[in-house]
Amino acid sequence: MAKQVATSVVVKIGGVDLSQYVASVNLTTNVNEVVTTNFASGGNVERVGGLKDSSLQISFMQDFAAAAVEATVYPLIGSTAAFVVNPSATAPSSTAPNYSGSCVVTAWSPVAGAVGELLTADVTWPVTGAVAKATA
């Protein structure tokens, strides 16, 4: 498989394509480890995978216009929102899978920036439920 450079990642929140306002995105899934060591383990720690825990981290470039970042995210504070992340602006395939699910909009910082800097909004939202991977 060819190496990929992030140039046309698609990010949708609540059904709204906010890709033009996203500087970076990071969808992470972690699995808790559960220790299962017993007396037959031969003095070694044994583990199995436990619960999965995912999060969606986005760095937005702020825009207060209708159908832009603030108008999309602000009404979602405290609720769940559907998300889609596609590493390529193409149809889902084995080389460009779509990842989707629901996240809880737990925090929002609509104004962040210093004099002369771009206004940004960096968020990390927990995913509720599973992250689906579509390849077709």
N, C-alpha and C. Protein backbone atom coordinates (compact mmCIF):
# COMPACT_ATOMS: atom_id res chain seq x y z
N MET A 1 0.83 -1.18 0.00
CA MET A 1 0.00 0.00 0.00
C MET A 1 0.87 1.24 0.00
N ALA A 2 0.45 2.23 -0.72
CA ALA A 2 1.20 3.47 -0.81
C ALA A 2 1.11 4.26 0.49
N LYS A 3 2.14 5.01 0.76
CA LYS A 3 2.11 5.90 1.92
C LYS A 3 1.14 7.03 1.61
N GLN A 4 0.51 7.57 2.64
CA GLN A 4 -0.51 8.57 2.42
C GLN A 4 -0.17 9.85 3.16
N VAL A 5 -0.38 10.98 2.51
CA VAL A 5 -0.21 12.28 3.12
C VAL A 5 -1.60 12.86 3.33
N ALA A 6 -1.83 13.43 4.50
CA ALA A 6 -3.14 13.99 4.83
C ALA A 6 -3.34 15.31 4.08
N THR A 7 -4.05 15.24 2.96
CA THR A 7 -4.32 16.45 2.19
C THR A 7 -5.80 16.68 1.95
N SER A 8 -6.60 15.62 2.06
CA SER A 8 -8.03 15.78 1.76
C SER A 8 -8.89 14.96 2.72
N VAL A 9 -8.55 15.02 4.01
CA VAL A 9 -9.31 14.30 5.02
C VAL A 9 -10.69 14.94 5.16
N VAL A 10 -11.72 14.12 5.24
CA VAL A 10 -13.08 14.60 5.41
C VAL A 10 -13.50 14.41 6.86
N VAL A 11 -14.01 15.47 7.49
CA VAL A 11 -14.48 15.42 8.87
C VAL A 11 -15.89 15.99 8.91
N LYS A 12 -16.84 15.15 9.33
CA LYS A 12 -18.23 15.59 9.46
C LYS A 12 -18.66 15.44 10.91
N ILE A 13 -19.34 16.46 11.41
CA ILE A 13 -19.89 16.45 12.75
C ILE A 13 -21.37 16.76 12.65
N GLY A 14 -22.19 15.90 13.21
CA GLY A 14 -23.63 16.12 13.15
C GLY A 14 -24.16 16.23 11.74
N GLY A 15 -23.52 15.52 10.81
CA GLY A 15 -23.94 15.54 9.42
C GLY A 15 -23.42 16.71 8.60
N VAL A 16 -22.69 17.63 9.24
CA VAL A 16 -22.17 18.82 8.56
C VAL A 16 -20.70 18.60 8.22
N ASP A 17 -20.33 18.79 6.97
CA ASP A 17 -18.94 18.65 6.54
C ASP A 17 -18.17 19.90 6.97
N LEU A 18 -17.30 19.74 7.97
CA LEU A 18 -16.49 20.85 8.49
C LEU A 18 -15.03 20.74 8.05
N SER A 19 -14.76 19.94 7.06
CA SER A 19 -13.38 19.67 6.62
C SER A 19 -12.59 20.94 6.33
N GLN A 20 -13.22 21.93 5.73
CA GLN A 20 -12.50 23.15 5.37
C GLN A 20 -12.06 23.96 6.59
N TYR A 21 -12.56 23.61 7.77
CA TYR A 21 -12.20 24.31 9.01
C TYR A 21 -11.31 23.47 9.92
N VAL A 22 -10.92 22.28 9.49
CA VAL A 22 -10.16 21.37 10.34
C VAL A 22 -8.68 21.41 9.97
N ALA A 23 -7.84 21.71 10.97
CA ALA A 23 -6.39 21.72 10.76
C ALA A 23 -5.78 20.36 11.07
N SER A 24 -6.39 19.63 12.01
CA SER A 24 -5.92 18.28 12.32
C SER A 24 -7.04 17.49 12.98
N VAL A 25 -6.95 16.17 12.82
CA VAL A 25 -7.92 15.27 13.43
C VAL A 25 -7.19 14.01 13.88
N ASN A 26 -7.64 13.46 15.00
CA ASN A 26 -7.03 12.26 15.54
C ASN A 26 -8.13 11.41 16.18
N LEU A 27 -8.42 10.28 15.58
CA LEU A 27 -9.39 9.33 16.11
C LEU A 27 -8.60 8.20 16.75
N THR A 28 -8.77 8.02 18.06
CA THR A 28 -7.97 7.06 18.81
C THR A 28 -8.86 6.04 19.49
N THR A 29 -8.45 4.77 19.44
CA THR A 29 -9.12 3.72 20.19
C THR A 29 -8.09 3.02 21.07
N ASN A 30 -8.41 2.93 22.34
CA ASN A 30 -7.57 2.22 23.30
C ASN A 30 -8.37 1.06 23.88
N VAL A 31 -7.66 0.03 24.31
CA VAL A 31 -8.29 -1.12 24.96
C VAL A 31 -7.68 -1.27 26.34
N ASN A 32 -8.53 -1.32 27.35
CA ASN A 32 -8.05 -1.54 28.71
C ASN A 32 -7.48 -2.96 28.81
N GLU A 33 -6.41 -3.08 29.57
CA GLU A 33 -5.87 -4.41 29.81
C GLU A 33 -6.44 -4.94 31.12
N VAL A 34 -6.81 -6.21 31.10
CA VAL A 34 -7.34 -6.87 32.28
C VAL A 34 -6.38 -7.98 32.66
N VAL A 35 -5.85 -7.91 33.86
CA VAL A 35 -4.88 -8.90 34.32
C VAL A 35 -5.61 -10.19 34.66
N THR A 36 -5.11 -11.30 34.14
CA THR A 36 -5.72 -12.62 34.38
C THR A 36 -4.71 -13.60 34.97
N THR A 37 -3.68 -13.06 35.62
CA THR A 37 -2.64 -13.90 36.21
C THR A 37 -3.23 -14.86 37.23
N ASN A 38 -2.73 -16.09 37.19
CA ASN A 38 -3.19 -17.10 38.13
C ASN A 38 -2.00 -17.94 38.58
N PHE A 39 -2.24 -18.92 39.42
CA PHE A 39 -1.14 -19.73 39.95
C PHE A 39 -0.49 -20.61 38.88
N ALA A 40 -1.15 -20.82 37.75
CA ALA A 40 -0.58 -21.63 36.68
C ALA A 40 0.14 -20.77 35.63
N SER A 41 0.33 -19.49 35.91
CA SER A 41 0.95 -18.57 34.95
C SER A 41 2.47 -18.67 34.91
N GLY A 42 3.03 -19.52 35.74
CA GLY A 42 4.48 -19.73 35.72
C GLY A 42 5.27 -18.51 36.14
N GLY A 43 4.70 -17.68 36.99
CA GLY A 43 5.40 -16.48 37.47
C GLY A 43 5.36 -15.32 36.49
N ASN A 44 4.50 -15.42 35.46
CA ASN A 44 4.37 -14.36 34.47
C ASN A 44 3.00 -13.71 34.58
N VAL A 45 2.95 -12.44 34.32
CA VAL A 45 1.67 -11.73 34.29
C VAL A 45 0.98 -12.06 32.98
N GLU A 46 -0.29 -12.41 33.04
CA GLU A 46 -1.09 -12.67 31.85
C GLU A 46 -2.19 -11.63 31.76
N ARG A 47 -2.53 -11.27 30.52
CA ARG A 47 -3.52 -10.21 30.30
C ARG A 47 -4.43 -10.57 29.13
N VAL A 48 -5.61 -9.97 29.14
CA VAL A 48 -6.51 -10.01 27.99
C VAL A 48 -7.00 -8.59 27.76
N GLY A 49 -7.49 -8.35 26.55
CA GLY A 49 -8.06 -7.05 26.24
C GLY A 49 -9.43 -6.91 26.89
N GLY A 50 -9.70 -5.72 27.40
CA GLY A 50 -10.98 -5.44 28.05
C GLY A 50 -11.83 -4.50 27.22
N LEU A 51 -12.35 -3.49 27.85
CA LEU A 51 -13.24 -2.55 27.20
C LEU A 51 -12.48 -1.61 26.27
N LYS A 52 -13.09 -1.30 25.13
CA LYS A 52 -12.52 -0.31 24.21
C LYS A 52 -12.99 1.08 24.62
N ASP A 53 -12.11 2.05 24.44
CA ASP A 53 -12.43 3.43 24.75
C ASP A 53 -11.84 4.31 23.65
N SER A 54 -12.70 5.03 22.94
CA SER A 54 -12.24 5.84 21.81
C SER A 54 -12.48 7.31 22.08
N SER A 55 -11.72 8.15 21.38
CA SER A 55 -11.92 9.60 21.47
C SER A 55 -11.63 10.23 20.12
N LEU A 56 -12.23 11.38 19.92
CA LEU A 56 -12.07 12.15 18.69
C LEU A 56 -11.46 13.49 19.05
N GLN A 57 -10.29 13.76 18.52
CA GLN A 57 -9.58 15.01 18.78
C GLN A 57 -9.53 15.82 17.49
N ILE A 58 -10.00 17.06 17.55
CA ILE A 58 -10.04 17.92 16.36
C ILE A 58 -9.50 19.29 16.70
N SER A 59 -8.74 19.85 15.78
CA SER A 59 -8.30 21.23 15.88
C SER A 59 -9.02 22.01 14.79
N PHE A 60 -10.01 22.81 15.22
CA PHE A 60 -10.79 23.62 14.29
C PHE A 60 -10.18 24.99 14.11
N MET A 61 -10.32 25.54 12.92
CA MET A 61 -10.06 26.96 12.67
C MET A 61 -11.44 27.61 12.75
N GLN A 62 -11.62 28.50 13.69
CA GLN A 62 -12.94 29.01 14.02
C GLN A 62 -13.56 29.85 12.91
N ASP A 63 -14.86 29.70 12.75
CA ASP A 63 -15.66 30.50 11.83
C ASP A 63 -17.05 30.59 12.44
N PHE A 64 -17.56 31.82 12.56
CA PHE A 64 -18.84 32.05 13.22
C PHE A 64 -20.01 32.18 12.24
N ALA A 65 -19.76 31.96 10.96
CA ALA A 65 -20.82 32.07 9.95
C ALA A 65 -21.83 30.93 10.09
N ALA A 66 -23.01 31.15 9.51
CA ALA A 66 -24.04 30.10 9.50
C ALA A 66 -23.49 28.86 8.81
N ALA A 67 -23.80 27.69 9.35
CA ALA A 67 -23.38 26.38 8.83
C ALA A 67 -21.87 26.16 8.93
N ALA A 68 -21.18 26.99 9.70
CA ALA A 68 -19.73 26.81 9.90
C ALA A 68 -19.51 26.17 11.27
N VAL A 69 -18.32 26.35 11.83
CA VAL A 69 -17.93 25.64 13.04
C VAL A 69 -18.81 25.99 14.23
N GLU A 70 -18.85 27.24 14.63
CA GLU A 70 -19.61 27.64 15.83
C GLU A 70 -21.08 27.29 15.71
N ALA A 71 -21.68 27.57 14.57
CA ALA A 71 -23.11 27.30 14.37
C ALA A 71 -23.41 25.80 14.42
N THR A 72 -22.44 24.98 14.07
CA THR A 72 -22.63 23.52 14.10
C THR A 72 -22.39 22.95 15.50
N VAL A 73 -21.30 23.36 16.14
CA VAL A 73 -20.90 22.73 17.40
C VAL A 73 -21.64 23.28 18.61
N TYR A 74 -21.84 24.58 18.70
CA TYR A 74 -22.42 25.18 19.91
C TYR A 74 -23.74 24.53 20.34
N PRO A 75 -24.67 24.28 19.42
CA PRO A 75 -25.93 23.64 19.84
C PRO A 75 -25.75 22.19 20.31
N LEU A 76 -24.61 21.59 20.04
CA LEU A 76 -24.38 20.19 20.39
C LEU A 76 -23.75 20.01 21.78
N ILE A 77 -23.36 21.10 22.44
CA ILE A 77 -22.70 21.00 23.74
C ILE A 77 -23.59 20.22 24.71
N GLY A 78 -23.03 19.19 25.30
CA GLY A 78 -23.74 18.37 26.27
C GLY A 78 -24.56 17.25 25.66
N SER A 79 -24.52 17.10 24.36
CA SER A 79 -25.29 16.03 23.71
C SER A 79 -24.35 15.18 22.86
N THR A 80 -24.92 14.17 22.24
CA THR A 80 -24.12 13.33 21.35
C THR A 80 -24.28 13.82 19.92
N ALA A 81 -23.24 13.58 19.15
CA ALA A 81 -23.24 13.98 17.74
C ALA A 81 -22.61 12.88 16.91
N ALA A 82 -23.19 12.62 15.77
CA ALA A 82 -22.60 11.66 14.84
C ALA A 82 -21.34 12.28 14.23
N PHE A 83 -20.35 11.44 13.98
CA PHE A 83 -19.15 11.91 13.29
C PHE A 83 -18.76 10.93 12.20
N VAL A 84 -18.06 11.45 11.20
CA VAL A 84 -17.45 10.65 10.15
C VAL A 84 -16.06 11.22 9.90
N VAL A 85 -15.08 10.35 9.83
CA VAL A 85 -13.72 10.74 9.46
C VAL A 85 -13.30 9.83 8.32
N ASN A 86 -12.92 10.43 7.21
CA ASN A 86 -12.47 9.69 6.03
C ASN A 86 -11.10 10.26 5.64
N PRO A 87 -10.06 9.43 5.60
CA PRO A 87 -8.73 9.94 5.29
C PRO A 87 -8.56 10.44 3.86
N SER A 88 -9.56 10.22 3.04
CA SER A 88 -9.49 10.64 1.64
C SER A 88 -10.87 11.10 1.20
N ALA A 89 -10.92 12.06 0.35
CA ALA A 89 -12.22 12.57 -0.13
C ALA A 89 -12.79 11.68 -1.22
N THR A 90 -12.59 10.38 -1.07
CA THR A 90 -13.10 9.41 -2.04
C THR A 90 -14.12 8.52 -1.34
N ALA A 91 -14.79 7.71 -2.13
CA ALA A 91 -15.74 6.74 -1.57
C ALA A 91 -14.98 5.76 -0.68
N PRO A 92 -15.64 5.24 0.36
CA PRO A 92 -14.97 4.27 1.23
C PRO A 92 -14.47 3.06 0.44
N SER A 93 -13.26 2.64 0.77
CA SER A 93 -12.66 1.46 0.14
C SER A 93 -11.65 0.88 1.12
N SER A 94 -11.02 -0.21 0.75
CA SER A 94 -10.03 -0.81 1.64
C SER A 94 -8.82 0.10 1.82
N THR A 95 -8.56 0.99 0.88
CA THR A 95 -7.43 1.91 1.00
C THR A 95 -7.85 3.29 1.48
N ALA A 96 -9.15 3.52 1.66
CA ALA A 96 -9.66 4.80 2.18
C ALA A 96 -10.92 4.54 3.01
N PRO A 97 -10.75 3.90 4.17
CA PRO A 97 -11.92 3.56 4.98
C PRO A 97 -12.56 4.79 5.62
N ASN A 98 -13.87 4.71 5.82
CA ASN A 98 -14.61 5.71 6.59
C ASN A 98 -14.71 5.20 8.02
N TYR A 99 -14.49 6.06 8.98
CA TYR A 99 -14.70 5.74 10.38
C TYR A 99 -15.85 6.59 10.86
N SER A 100 -16.80 5.98 11.55
CA SER A 100 -17.96 6.75 12.02
C SER A 100 -18.42 6.26 13.37
N GLY A 101 -19.19 7.10 14.03
CA GLY A 101 -19.71 6.77 15.34
C GLY A 101 -20.39 7.98 15.93
N SER A 102 -20.52 7.97 17.24
CA SER A 102 -21.12 9.10 17.96
C SER A 102 -20.16 9.52 19.06
N CYS A 103 -20.04 10.83 19.24
CA CYS A 103 -19.20 11.36 20.30
C CYS A 103 -20.05 12.25 21.20
N VAL A 104 -19.59 12.44 22.42
CA VAL A 104 -20.27 13.32 23.36
C VAL A 104 -19.53 14.65 23.34
N VAL A 105 -20.23 15.72 23.00
CA VAL A 105 -19.62 17.05 22.93
C VAL A 105 -19.54 17.58 24.35
N THR A 106 -18.42 17.28 25.01
CA THR A 106 -18.25 17.57 26.43
C THR A 106 -17.62 18.93 26.71
N ALA A 107 -17.00 19.53 25.72
CA ALA A 107 -16.31 20.80 25.93
C ALA A 107 -16.30 21.60 24.63
N TRP A 108 -16.27 22.90 24.78
CA TRP A 108 -16.19 23.79 23.62
C TRP A 108 -15.56 25.09 24.06
N SER A 109 -14.55 25.52 23.34
CA SER A 109 -13.86 26.78 23.60
C SER A 109 -13.94 27.60 22.32
N PRO A 110 -14.99 28.41 22.16
CA PRO A 110 -15.21 29.08 20.88
C PRO A 110 -14.21 30.18 20.53
N VAL A 111 -13.54 30.73 21.55
CA VAL A 111 -12.57 31.79 21.27
C VAL A 111 -11.26 31.43 21.96
N ALA A 112 -10.25 31.14 21.14
CA ALA A 112 -8.92 30.84 21.66
C ALA A 112 -7.90 31.34 20.66
N GLY A 113 -7.09 32.28 21.10
CA GLY A 113 -6.06 32.82 20.22
C GLY A 113 -5.48 34.10 20.81
N ALA A 114 -4.28 34.41 20.41
CA ALA A 114 -3.61 35.62 20.86
C ALA A 114 -3.65 36.66 19.75
N VAL A 115 -3.21 37.85 20.06
CA VAL A 115 -3.20 38.95 19.10
C VAL A 115 -2.48 38.52 17.82
N GLY A 116 -3.15 38.70 16.71
CA GLY A 116 -2.56 38.39 15.41
C GLY A 116 -2.58 36.93 15.04
N GLU A 117 -3.14 36.07 15.88
CA GLU A 117 -3.19 34.64 15.59
C GLU A 117 -4.57 34.24 15.11
N LEU A 118 -4.62 33.11 14.47
CA LEU A 118 -5.87 32.52 14.01
C LEU A 118 -6.67 32.06 15.22
N LEU A 119 -7.97 32.34 15.24
CA LEU A 119 -8.83 31.81 16.28
C LEU A 119 -9.02 30.32 16.03
N THR A 120 -8.79 29.53 17.05
CA THR A 120 -8.91 28.08 16.92
C THR A 120 -9.81 27.54 18.02
N ALA A 121 -10.21 26.31 17.86
CA ALA A 121 -10.96 25.59 18.88
C ALA A 121 -10.47 24.15 18.85
N ASP A 122 -9.72 23.78 19.88
CA ASP A 122 -9.19 22.42 19.98
C ASP A 122 -10.05 21.63 20.95
N VAL A 123 -10.53 20.47 20.50
CA VAL A 123 -11.42 19.66 21.32
C VAL A 123 -10.96 18.21 21.35
N THR A 124 -11.30 17.54 22.42
CA THR A 124 -11.18 16.09 22.53
C THR A 124 -12.49 15.60 23.11
N TRP A 125 -13.23 14.87 22.31
CA TRP A 125 -14.54 14.39 22.72
C TRP A 125 -14.51 12.87 22.84
N PRO A 126 -15.09 12.32 23.92
CA PRO A 126 -15.16 10.87 24.05
C PRO A 126 -16.18 10.28 23.09
N VAL A 127 -15.85 9.13 22.55
CA VAL A 127 -16.78 8.41 21.67
C VAL A 127 -17.68 7.56 22.56
N THR A 128 -18.96 7.53 22.24
CA THR A 128 -19.88 6.67 22.96
C THR A 128 -20.25 5.50 22.05
N GLY A 129 -20.01 4.29 22.50
CA GLY A 129 -20.27 3.12 21.65
C GLY A 129 -19.08 2.80 20.77
N ALA A 130 -19.34 2.02 19.76
CA ALA A 130 -18.29 1.52 18.86
C ALA A 130 -17.98 2.51 17.74
N VAL A 131 -16.76 2.43 17.24
CA VAL A 131 -16.37 3.12 16.02
C VAL A 131 -16.52 2.13 14.88
N ALA A 132 -17.29 2.50 13.89
CA ALA A 132 -17.52 1.62 12.73
C ALA A 132 -16.51 1.96 11.64
N LYS A 133 -16.04 0.93 10.95
CA LYS A 133 -15.10 1.11 9.84
C LYS A 133 -15.75 0.58 8.59
N ALA A 134 -15.98 1.47 7.62
CA ALA A 134 -16.60 1.09 6.36
C ALA A 134 -15.55 1.07 5.27
N THR A 135 -15.53 0.00 4.48
CA THR A 135 -14.56 -0.12 3.40
C THR A 135 -15.24 -0.29 2.04
N ALA A 136 -16.54 -0.13 2.02
CA ALA A 136 -17.28 -0.25 0.76
C ALA A 136 -18.52 0.62 0.81
